[in-house]
Amino acid sequence: GSCAQGDKFWAIMKDSHIGAFGVIGLVMGLGGQILFAGQ
């Protein structure tokens, strides 16, 4: 989601803090699995 390239991309990947796109990903992924598994 950062659109970073190279070293900046890997630095964001290794950062232990979560950003807005990480939260969006978790909401979509966890929400999808909860919905699909329940059905």
PDB file of all heavy atoms in Angstrom:
ATOM      1  N   GLY A   1       0.799  -1.220   0.000  1.00  0.00           N
ATOM      2  CA  GLY A   1       0.000   0.000   0.000  1.00  0.00           C
ATOM      3  C   GLY A   1       0.828   1.264   0.000  1.00  0.00           C
ATOM      4  O   GLY A   1       0.367   2.327  -0.436  1.00  0.00           O
ATOM      5  N   SER A   2       2.069   1.179   0.454  1.00  0.00           N
ATOM      6  CA  SER A   2       2.936   2.359   0.502  1.00  0.00           C
ATOM      7  C   SER A   2       3.439   2.775  -0.876  1.00  0.00           C
ATOM      8  O   SER A   2       3.932   3.901  -1.046  1.00  0.00           O
ATOM      9  CB  SER A   2       4.143   2.071   1.393  1.00  0.00           C
ATOM     10  OG  SER A   2       5.025   1.144   0.758  1.00  0.00           O
ATOM     11  N   CYS A   3       3.352   1.852  -1.849  1.00  0.00           N
ATOM     12  CA  CYS A   3       3.894   2.079  -3.206  1.00  0.00           C
ATOM     13  C   CYS A   3       5.406   2.309  -3.184  1.00  0.00           C
ATOM     14  O   CYS A   3       5.971   2.873  -4.134  1.00  0.00           O
ATOM     15  CB  CYS A   3       3.204   3.266  -3.886  1.00  0.00           C
ATOM     16  SG  CYS A   3       1.443   3.006  -4.171  1.00  0.00           S
ATOM     17  N   ALA A   4       6.066   1.901  -2.097  1.00  0.00           N
ATOM     18  CA  ALA A   4       7.515   2.065  -1.985  1.00  0.00           C
ATOM     19  C   ALA A   4       8.226   1.049  -2.867  1.00  0.00           C
ATOM     20  O   ALA A   4       7.664   0.018  -3.263  1.00  0.00           O
ATOM     21  CB  ALA A   4       7.946   1.895  -0.533  1.00  0.00           C
ATOM     22  N   GLN A   5       9.491   1.345  -3.142  1.00  0.00           N
ATOM     23  CA  GLN A   5      10.312   0.469  -3.971  1.00  0.00           C
ATOM     24  C   GLN A   5      11.629   0.176  -3.250  1.00  0.00           C
ATOM     25  O   GLN A   5      12.115   0.977  -2.453  1.00  0.00           O
ATOM     26  CB  GLN A   5      10.609   1.119  -5.325  1.00  0.00           C
ATOM     27  CG  GLN A   5       9.380   1.370  -6.194  1.00  0.00           C
ATOM     28  CD  GLN A   5       8.747   0.088  -6.703  1.00  0.00           C
ATOM     29  OE1 GLN A   5       9.440  -0.855  -7.064  1.00  0.00           O
ATOM     30  NE2 GLN A   5       7.425   0.044  -6.721  1.00  0.00           N
ATOM     31  N   GLY A   6      12.210  -0.982  -3.553  1.00  0.00           N
ATOM     32  CA  GLY A   6      13.539  -1.300  -3.073  1.00  0.00           C
ATOM     33  C   GLY A   6      13.660  -1.372  -1.559  1.00  0.00           C
ATOM     34  O   GLY A   6      12.834  -1.963  -0.876  1.00  0.00           O
ATOM     35  N   ASP A   7      14.717  -0.735  -1.043  1.00  0.00           N
ATOM     36  CA  ASP A   7      14.998  -0.808   0.393  1.00  0.00           C
ATOM     37  C   ASP A   7      13.860  -0.268   1.235  1.00  0.00           C
ATOM     38  O   ASP A   7      13.601  -0.777   2.340  1.00  0.00           O
ATOM     39  CB  ASP A   7      16.279  -0.035   0.711  1.00  0.00           C
ATOM     40  CG  ASP A   7      17.516  -0.705   0.142  1.00  0.00           C
ATOM     41  OD1 ASP A   7      17.437  -1.906  -0.193  1.00  0.00           O
ATOM     42  OD2 ASP A   7      18.563  -0.027   0.034  1.00  0.00           O
ATOM     43  N   LYS A   8      13.173   0.763   0.756  1.00  0.00           N
ATOM     44  CA  LYS A   8      12.051   1.338   1.500  1.00  0.00           C
ATOM     45  C   LYS A   8      10.921   0.324   1.641  1.00  0.00           C
ATOM     46  O   LYS A   8      10.300   0.212   2.703  1.00  0.00           O
ATOM     47  CB  LYS A   8      11.547   2.597   0.788  1.00  0.00           C
ATOM     48  CG  LYS A   8      10.388   3.292   1.487  1.00  0.00           C
ATOM     49  CD  LYS A   8      10.779   3.843   2.848  1.00  0.00           C
ATOM     50  CE  LYS A   8       9.655   4.673   3.454  1.00  0.00           C
ATOM     51  NZ  LYS A   8       9.983   5.127   4.816  1.00  0.00           N
ATOM     52  N   PHE A   9      10.658  -0.428   0.586  1.00  0.00           N
ATOM     53  CA  PHE A   9       9.630  -1.476   0.626  1.00  0.00           C
ATOM     54  C   PHE A   9       9.958  -2.495   1.713  1.00  0.00           C
ATOM     55  O   PHE A   9       9.113  -2.843   2.538  1.00  0.00           O
ATOM     56  CB  PHE A   9       9.553  -2.168  -0.739  1.00  0.00           C
ATOM     57  CG  PHE A   9       8.593  -3.331  -0.796  1.00  0.00           C
ATOM     58  CD1 PHE A   9       7.271  -3.130  -1.143  1.00  0.00           C
ATOM     59  CD2 PHE A   9       9.021  -4.627  -0.512  1.00  0.00           C
ATOM     60  CE1 PHE A   9       6.381  -4.205  -1.207  1.00  0.00           C
ATOM     61  CE2 PHE A   9       8.143  -5.702  -0.563  1.00  0.00           C
ATOM     62  CZ  PHE A   9       6.824  -5.486  -0.910  1.00  0.00           C
ATOM     63  N   TRP A  10      11.218  -2.963   1.742  1.00  0.00           N
ATOM     64  CA  TRP A  10      11.605  -3.983   2.713  1.00  0.00           C
ATOM     65  C   TRP A  10      11.652  -3.429   4.122  1.00  0.00           C
ATOM     66  O   TRP A  10      11.361  -4.144   5.090  1.00  0.00           O
ATOM     67  CB  TRP A  10      12.941  -4.600   2.319  1.00  0.00           C
ATOM     68  CG  TRP A  10      12.855  -5.338   1.018  1.00  0.00           C
ATOM     69  CD1 TRP A  10      13.381  -4.970  -0.179  1.00  0.00           C
ATOM     70  CD2 TRP A  10      12.145  -6.562   0.782  1.00  0.00           C
ATOM     71  NE1 TRP A  10      13.054  -5.883  -1.151  1.00  0.00           N
ATOM     72  CE2 TRP A  10      12.294  -6.873  -0.583  1.00  0.00           C
ATOM     73  CE3 TRP A  10      11.413  -7.426   1.588  1.00  0.00           C
ATOM     74  CZ2 TRP A  10      11.745  -8.005  -1.161  1.00  0.00           C
ATOM     75  CZ3 TRP A  10      10.853  -8.552   1.019  1.00  0.00           C
ATOM     76  CH2 TRP A  10      11.018  -8.845  -0.338  1.00  0.00           C
ATOM     77  N   ALA A  11      11.977  -2.149   4.264  1.00  0.00           N
ATOM     78  CA  ALA A  11      11.977  -1.527   5.593  1.00  0.00           C
ATOM     79  C   ALA A  11      10.560  -1.482   6.156  1.00  0.00           C
ATOM     80  O   ALA A  11      10.335  -1.747   7.347  1.00  0.00           O
ATOM     81  CB  ALA A  11      12.562  -0.121   5.511  1.00  0.00           C
ATOM     82  N   ILE A  12       9.591  -1.138   5.309  1.00  0.00           N
ATOM     83  CA  ILE A  12       8.189  -1.113   5.751  1.00  0.00           C
ATOM     84  C   ILE A  12       7.730  -2.528   6.090  1.00  0.00           C
ATOM     85  O   ILE A  12       7.024  -2.757   7.089  1.00  0.00           O
ATOM     86  CB  ILE A  12       7.299  -0.493   4.653  1.00  0.00           C
ATOM     87  CG1 ILE A  12       7.639   0.981   4.470  1.00  0.00           C
ATOM     88  CG2 ILE A  12       5.817  -0.661   4.998  1.00  0.00           C
ATOM     89  CD1 ILE A  12       6.966   1.625   3.281  1.00  0.00           C
ATOM     90  N   MET A  13       8.139  -3.499   5.288  1.00  0.00           N
ATOM     91  CA  MET A  13       7.758  -4.890   5.527  1.00  0.00           C
ATOM     92  C   MET A  13       8.249  -5.372   6.891  1.00  0.00           C
ATOM     93  O   MET A  13       7.550  -6.102   7.601  1.00  0.00           O
ATOM     94  CB  MET A  13       8.351  -5.778   4.424  1.00  0.00           C
ATOM     95  CG  MET A  13       7.940  -7.220   4.510  1.00  0.00           C
ATOM     96  SD  MET A  13       6.468  -7.601   3.570  1.00  0.00           S
ATOM     97  CE  MET A  13       7.152  -7.775   1.936  1.00  0.00           C
ATOM     98  N   LYS A  14       9.439  -4.951   7.289  1.00  0.00           N
ATOM     99  CA  LYS A  14      10.029  -5.422   8.539  1.00  0.00           C
ATOM    100  C   LYS A  14       9.649  -4.573   9.752  1.00  0.00           C
ATOM    101  O   LYS A  14       9.961  -4.944  10.882  1.00  0.00           O
ATOM    102  CB  LYS A  14      11.556  -5.461   8.390  1.00  0.00           C
ATOM    103  CG  LYS A  14      12.047  -6.507   7.403  1.00  0.00           C
ATOM    104  CD  LYS A  14      13.554  -6.495   7.291  1.00  0.00           C
ATOM    105  CE  LYS A  14      14.029  -7.580   6.342  1.00  0.00           C
ATOM    106  NZ  LYS A  14      13.666  -8.931   6.818  1.00  0.00           N
ATOM    107  N   ASP A  15       8.987  -3.443   9.530  1.00  0.00           N
ATOM    108  CA  ASP A  15       8.583  -2.574  10.637  1.00  0.00           C
ATOM    109  C   ASP A  15       7.546  -3.290  11.495  1.00  0.00           C
ATOM    110  O   ASP A  15       6.536  -3.777  10.988  1.00  0.00           O
ATOM    111  CB  ASP A  15       8.004  -1.276  10.070  1.00  0.00           C
ATOM    112  CG  ASP A  15       7.798  -0.210  11.142  1.00  0.00           C
ATOM    113  OD1 ASP A  15       7.777  -0.557  12.338  1.00  0.00           O
ATOM    114  OD2 ASP A  15       7.643   0.968  10.784  1.00  0.00           O
ATOM    115  N   SER A  16       7.788  -3.350  12.798  1.00  0.00           N
ATOM    116  CA  SER A  16       6.865  -4.056  13.695  1.00  0.00           C
ATOM    117  C   SER A  16       5.558  -3.297  13.915  1.00  0.00           C
ATOM    118  O   SER A  16       4.587  -3.862  14.428  1.00  0.00           O
ATOM    119  CB  SER A  16       7.540  -4.316  15.046  1.00  0.00           C
ATOM    120  OG  SER A  16       7.919  -3.090  15.661  1.00  0.00           O
ATOM    121  N   HIS A  17       5.523  -2.013  13.552  1.00  0.00           N
ATOM    122  CA  HIS A  17       4.290  -1.236  13.688  1.00  0.00           C
ATOM    123  C   HIS A  17       3.390  -1.468  12.482  1.00  0.00           C
ATOM    124  O   HIS A  17       3.866  -1.622  11.355  1.00  0.00           O
ATOM    125  CB  HIS A  17       4.609   0.260  13.804  1.00  0.00           C
ATOM    126  CG  HIS A  17       5.448   0.604  14.989  1.00  0.00           C
ATOM    127  ND1 HIS A  17       6.829   0.605  14.944  1.00  0.00           N
ATOM    128  CD2 HIS A  17       5.116   0.926  16.265  1.00  0.00           C
ATOM    129  CE1 HIS A  17       7.310   0.943  16.132  1.00  0.00           C
ATOM    130  NE2 HIS A  17       6.295   1.123  16.955  1.00  0.00           N
ATOM    131  N   ILE A  18       2.094  -1.478  12.717  1.00  0.00           N
ATOM    132  CA  ILE A  18       1.148  -1.673  11.625  1.00  0.00           C
ATOM    133  C   ILE A  18       0.613  -0.329  11.145  1.00  0.00           C
ATOM    134  O   ILE A  18       0.396   0.585  11.943  1.00  0.00           O
ATOM    135  CB  ILE A  18      -0.016  -2.604  12.054  1.00  0.00           C
ATOM    136  CG1 ILE A  18      -0.857  -3.004  10.842  1.00  0.00           C
ATOM    137  CG2 ILE A  18      -0.879  -1.947  13.133  1.00  0.00           C
ATOM    138  CD1 ILE A  18      -1.835  -4.125  11.148  1.00  0.00           C
ATOM    139  N   GLY A  19       0.431  -0.228   9.842  1.00  0.00           N
ATOM    140  CA  GLY A  19      -0.097   0.995   9.254  1.00  0.00           C
ATOM    141  C   GLY A  19      -1.523   0.815   8.784  1.00  0.00           C
ATOM    142  O   GLY A  19      -2.145  -0.227   8.985  1.00  0.00           O
ATOM    143  N   ALA A  20      -2.039   1.837   8.112  1.00  0.00           N
ATOM    144  CA  ALA A  20      -3.433   1.824   7.672  1.00  0.00           C
ATOM    145  C   ALA A  20      -3.720   0.680   6.706  1.00  0.00           C
ATOM    146  O   ALA A  20      -4.752   0.003   6.809  1.00  0.00           O
ATOM    147  CB  ALA A  20      -3.772   3.160   7.011  1.00  0.00           C
ATOM    148  N   PHE A  21      -2.797   0.426   5.775  1.00  0.00           N
ATOM    149  CA  PHE A  21      -3.044  -0.643   4.802  1.00  0.00           C
ATOM    150  C   PHE A  21      -2.988  -2.016   5.455  1.00  0.00           C
ATOM    151  O   PHE A  21      -3.711  -2.927   5.052  1.00  0.00           O
ATOM    152  CB  PHE A  21      -2.040  -0.544   3.647  1.00  0.00           C
ATOM    153  CG  PHE A  21      -2.315   0.603   2.722  1.00  0.00           C
ATOM    154  CD1 PHE A  21      -1.581   1.776   2.817  1.00  0.00           C
ATOM    155  CD2 PHE A  21      -3.321   0.519   1.773  1.00  0.00           C
ATOM    156  CE1 PHE A  21      -1.833   2.841   1.967  1.00  0.00           C
ATOM    157  CE2 PHE A  21      -3.584   1.577   0.921  1.00  0.00           C
ATOM    158  CZ  PHE A  21      -2.844   2.751   1.015  1.00  0.00           C
ATOM    159  N   GLY A  22      -2.130  -2.171   6.461  1.00  0.00           N
ATOM    160  CA  GLY A  22      -2.101  -3.422   7.196  1.00  0.00           C
ATOM    161  C   GLY A  22      -3.410  -3.677   7.926  1.00  0.00           C
ATOM    162  O   GLY A  22      -3.913  -4.802   7.955  1.00  0.00           O
ATOM    163  N   VAL A  23      -3.975  -2.624   8.513  1.00  0.00           N
ATOM    164  CA  VAL A  23      -5.269  -2.743   9.195  1.00  0.00           C
ATOM    165  C   VAL A  23      -6.358  -3.109   8.200  1.00  0.00           C
ATOM    166  O   VAL A  23      -7.193  -3.992   8.460  1.00  0.00           O
ATOM    167  CB  VAL A  23      -5.622  -1.436   9.930  1.00  0.00           C
ATOM    168  CG1 VAL A  23      -7.048  -1.498  10.478  1.00  0.00           C
ATOM    169  CG2 VAL A  23      -4.629  -1.177  11.058  1.00  0.00           C
ATOM    170  N   ILE A  24      -6.365  -2.439   7.049  1.00  0.00           N
ATOM    171  CA  ILE A  24      -7.355  -2.752   6.011  1.00  0.00           C
ATOM    172  C   ILE A  24      -7.231  -4.218   5.587  1.00  0.00           C
ATOM    173  O   ILE A  24      -8.242  -4.926   5.447  1.00  0.00           O
ATOM    174  CB  ILE A  24      -7.175  -1.818   4.802  1.00  0.00           C
ATOM    175  CG1 ILE A  24      -7.562  -0.390   5.172  1.00  0.00           C
ATOM    176  CG2 ILE A  24      -8.017  -2.299   3.615  1.00  0.00           C
ATOM    177  CD1 ILE A  24      -7.173   0.638   4.130  1.00  0.00           C
ATOM    178  N   GLY A  25      -5.993  -4.669   5.391  1.00  0.00           N
ATOM    179  CA  GLY A  25      -5.787  -6.057   5.003  1.00  0.00           C
ATOM    180  C   GLY A  25      -6.304  -7.040   6.033  1.00  0.00           C
ATOM    181  O   GLY A  25      -6.936  -8.047   5.699  1.00  0.00           O
ATOM    182  N   LEU A  26      -6.041  -6.754   7.317  1.00  0.00           N
ATOM    183  CA  LEU A  26      -6.528  -7.641   8.372  1.00  0.00           C
ATOM    184  C   LEU A  26      -8.053  -7.651   8.450  1.00  0.00           C
ATOM    185  O   LEU A  26      -8.670  -8.707   8.617  1.00  0.00           O
ATOM    186  CB  LEU A  26      -5.940  -7.223   9.721  1.00  0.00           C
ATOM    187  CG  LEU A  26      -4.468  -7.558   9.953  1.00  0.00           C
ATOM    188  CD1 LEU A  26      -4.004  -7.021  11.296  1.00  0.00           C
ATOM    189  CD2 LEU A  26      -4.237  -9.072   9.898  1.00  0.00           C
ATOM    190  N   VAL A  27      -8.653  -6.475   8.312  1.00  0.00           N
ATOM    191  CA  VAL A  27     -10.118  -6.399   8.352  1.00  0.00           C
ATOM    192  C   VAL A  27     -10.724  -7.210   7.210  1.00  0.00           C
ATOM    193  O   VAL A  27     -11.659  -7.998   7.404  1.00  0.00           O
ATOM    194  CB  VAL A  27     -10.588  -4.931   8.302  1.00  0.00           C
ATOM    195  CG1 VAL A  27     -12.102  -4.860   8.082  1.00  0.00           C
ATOM    196  CG2 VAL A  27     -10.216  -4.205   9.588  1.00  0.00           C
ATOM    197  N   MET A  28     -10.177  -7.014   6.006  1.00  0.00           N
ATOM    198  CA  MET A  28     -10.708  -7.733   4.853  1.00  0.00           C
ATOM    199  C   MET A  28     -10.454  -9.235   4.967  1.00  0.00           C
ATOM    200  O   MET A  28     -11.344 -10.052   4.699  1.00  0.00           O
ATOM    201  CB  MET A  28     -10.066  -7.189   3.578  1.00  0.00           C
ATOM    202  CG  MET A  28     -10.439  -5.754   3.245  1.00  0.00           C
ATOM    203  SD  MET A  28     -12.220  -5.561   2.913  1.00  0.00           S
ATOM    204  CE  MET A  28     -12.366  -6.491   1.386  1.00  0.00           C
ATOM    205  N   GLY A  29      -9.245  -9.608   5.364  1.00  0.00           N
ATOM    206  CA  GLY A  29      -8.919 -11.022   5.440  1.00  0.00           C
ATOM    207  C   GLY A  29      -9.643 -11.747   6.560  1.00  0.00           C
ATOM    208  O   GLY A  29     -10.265 -12.794   6.347  1.00  0.00           O
ATOM    209  N   LEU A  30      -9.580 -11.191   7.762  1.00  0.00           N
ATOM    210  CA  LEU A  30     -10.255 -11.816   8.896  1.00  0.00           C
ATOM    211  C   LEU A  30     -11.767 -11.799   8.719  1.00  0.00           C
ATOM    212  O   LEU A  30     -12.449 -12.784   9.010  1.00  0.00           O
ATOM    213  CB  LEU A  30      -9.875 -11.102  10.194  1.00  0.00           C
ATOM    214  CG  LEU A  30      -8.436 -11.312  10.681  1.00  0.00           C
ATOM    215  CD1 LEU A  30      -8.094 -10.326  11.794  1.00  0.00           C
ATOM    216  CD2 LEU A  30      -8.228 -12.741  11.158  1.00  0.00           C
ATOM    217  N   GLY A  31     -12.273 -10.657   8.238  1.00  0.00           N
ATOM    218  CA  GLY A  31     -13.716 -10.569   8.002  1.00  0.00           C
ATOM    219  C   GLY A  31     -14.173 -11.582   6.979  1.00  0.00           C
ATOM    220  O   GLY A  31     -15.221 -12.230   7.138  1.00  0.00           O
ATOM    221  N   GLY A  32     -13.386 -11.738   5.912  1.00  0.00           N
ATOM    222  CA  GLY A  32     -13.739 -12.719   4.891  1.00  0.00           C
ATOM    223  C   GLY A  32     -13.738 -14.131   5.437  1.00  0.00           C
ATOM    224  O   GLY A  32     -14.668 -14.907   5.183  1.00  0.00           O
ATOM    225  N   GLN A  33     -12.729 -14.483   6.209  1.00  0.00           N
ATOM    226  CA  GLN A  33     -12.674 -15.843   6.742  1.00  0.00           C
ATOM    227  C   GLN A  33     -13.798 -16.109   7.741  1.00  0.00           C
ATOM    228  O   GLN A  33     -14.369 -17.205   7.765  1.00  0.00           O
ATOM    229  CB  GLN A  33     -11.309 -16.100   7.387  1.00  0.00           C
ATOM    230  CG  GLN A  33     -10.200 -16.319   6.385  1.00  0.00           C
ATOM    231  CD  GLN A  33      -9.060 -17.138   6.935  1.00  0.00           C
ATOM    232  OE1 GLN A  33      -9.034 -17.508   8.109  1.00  0.00           O
ATOM    233  NE2 GLN A  33      -8.090 -17.438   6.090  1.00  0.00           N
ATOM    234  N   ILE A  34     -14.106 -15.124   8.578  1.00  0.00           N
ATOM    235  CA  ILE A  34     -15.216 -15.301   9.527  1.00  0.00           C
ATOM    236  C   ILE A  34     -16.527 -15.515   8.780  1.00  0.00           C
ATOM    237  O   ILE A  34     -17.311 -16.423   9.101  1.00  0.00           O
ATOM    238  CB  ILE A  34     -15.320 -14.075  10.465  1.00  0.00           C
ATOM    239  CG1 ILE A  34     -14.127 -14.047  11.421  1.00  0.00           C
ATOM    240  CG2 ILE A  34     -16.629 -14.101  11.259  1.00  0.00           C
ATOM    241  CD1 ILE A  34     -14.002 -12.756  12.208  1.00  0.00           C
ATOM    242  N   LEU A  35     -16.765 -14.693   7.769  1.00  0.00           N
ATOM    243  CA  LEU A  35     -17.997 -14.807   6.972  1.00  0.00           C
ATOM    244  C   LEU A  35     -18.056 -16.141   6.237  1.00  0.00           C
ATOM    245  O   LEU A  35     -19.060 -16.860   6.292  1.00  0.00           O
ATOM    246  CB  LEU A  35     -18.073 -13.644   5.987  1.00  0.00           C
ATOM    247  CG  LEU A  35     -19.259 -13.640   5.015  1.00  0.00           C
ATOM    248  CD1 LEU A  35     -20.576 -13.510   5.774  1.00  0.00           C
ATOM    249  CD2 LEU A  35     -19.103 -12.510   4.003  1.00  0.00           C
ATOM    250  N   PHE A  36     -16.968 -16.484   5.539  1.00  0.00           N
ATOM    251  CA  PHE A  36     -16.960 -17.709   4.733  1.00  0.00           C
ATOM    252  C   PHE A  36     -17.051 -18.952   5.621  1.00  0.00           C
ATOM    253  O   PHE A  36     -17.803 -19.883   5.317  1.00  0.00           O
ATOM    254  CB  PHE A  36     -15.680 -17.782   3.894  1.00  0.00           C
ATOM    255  CG  PHE A  36     -15.516 -16.669   2.901  1.00  0.00           C
ATOM    256  CD1 PHE A  36     -14.277 -16.391   2.352  1.00  0.00           C
ATOM    257  CD2 PHE A  36     -16.591 -15.881   2.512  1.00  0.00           C
ATOM    258  CE1 PHE A  36     -14.100 -15.368   1.434  1.00  0.00           C
ATOM    259  CE2 PHE A  36     -16.439 -14.845   1.595  1.00  0.00           C
ATOM    260  CZ  PHE A  36     -15.191 -14.584   1.057  1.00  0.00           C
ATOM    261  N   ALA A  37     -16.280 -18.968   6.716  1.00  0.00           N
ATOM    262  CA  ALA A  37     -16.300 -20.132   7.600  1.00  0.00           C
ATOM    263  C   ALA A  37     -17.673 -20.316   8.236  1.00  0.00           C
ATOM    264  O   ALA A  37     -18.174 -21.440   8.354  1.00  0.00           O
ATOM    265  CB  ALA A  37     -15.231 -19.997   8.678  1.00  0.00           C
ATOM    266  N   GLY A  38     -18.290 -19.205   8.645  1.00  0.00           N
ATOM    267  CA  GLY A  38     -19.619 -19.288   9.235  1.00  0.00           C
ATOM    268  C   GLY A  38     -20.632 -19.872   8.281  1.00  0.00           C
ATOM    269  O   GLY A  38     -21.491 -20.677   8.670  1.00  0.00           O
ATOM    270  N   GLN A  39     -20.553 -19.478   7.006  1.00  0.00           N
ATOM    271  CA  GLN A  39     -21.475 -20.007   5.998  1.00  0.00           C
ATOM    272  C   GLN A  39     -21.188 -21.478   5.701  1.00  0.00           C
ATOM    273  O   GLN A  39     -22.106 -22.289   5.572  1.00  0.00           O
ATOM    274  CB  GLN A  39     -21.357 -19.191   4.712  1.00  0.00           C
ATOM    275  CG  GLN A  39     -21.909 -17.776   4.817  1.00  0.00           C
ATOM    276  CD  GLN A  39     -23.412 -17.767   5.076  1.00  0.00           C
ATOM    277  OE1 GLN A  39     -24.175 -18.446   4.401  1.00  0.00           O
ATOM    278  NE2 GLN A  39     -23.826 -17.012   6.080  1.00  0.00           N
TER     279      GLN A  39
END
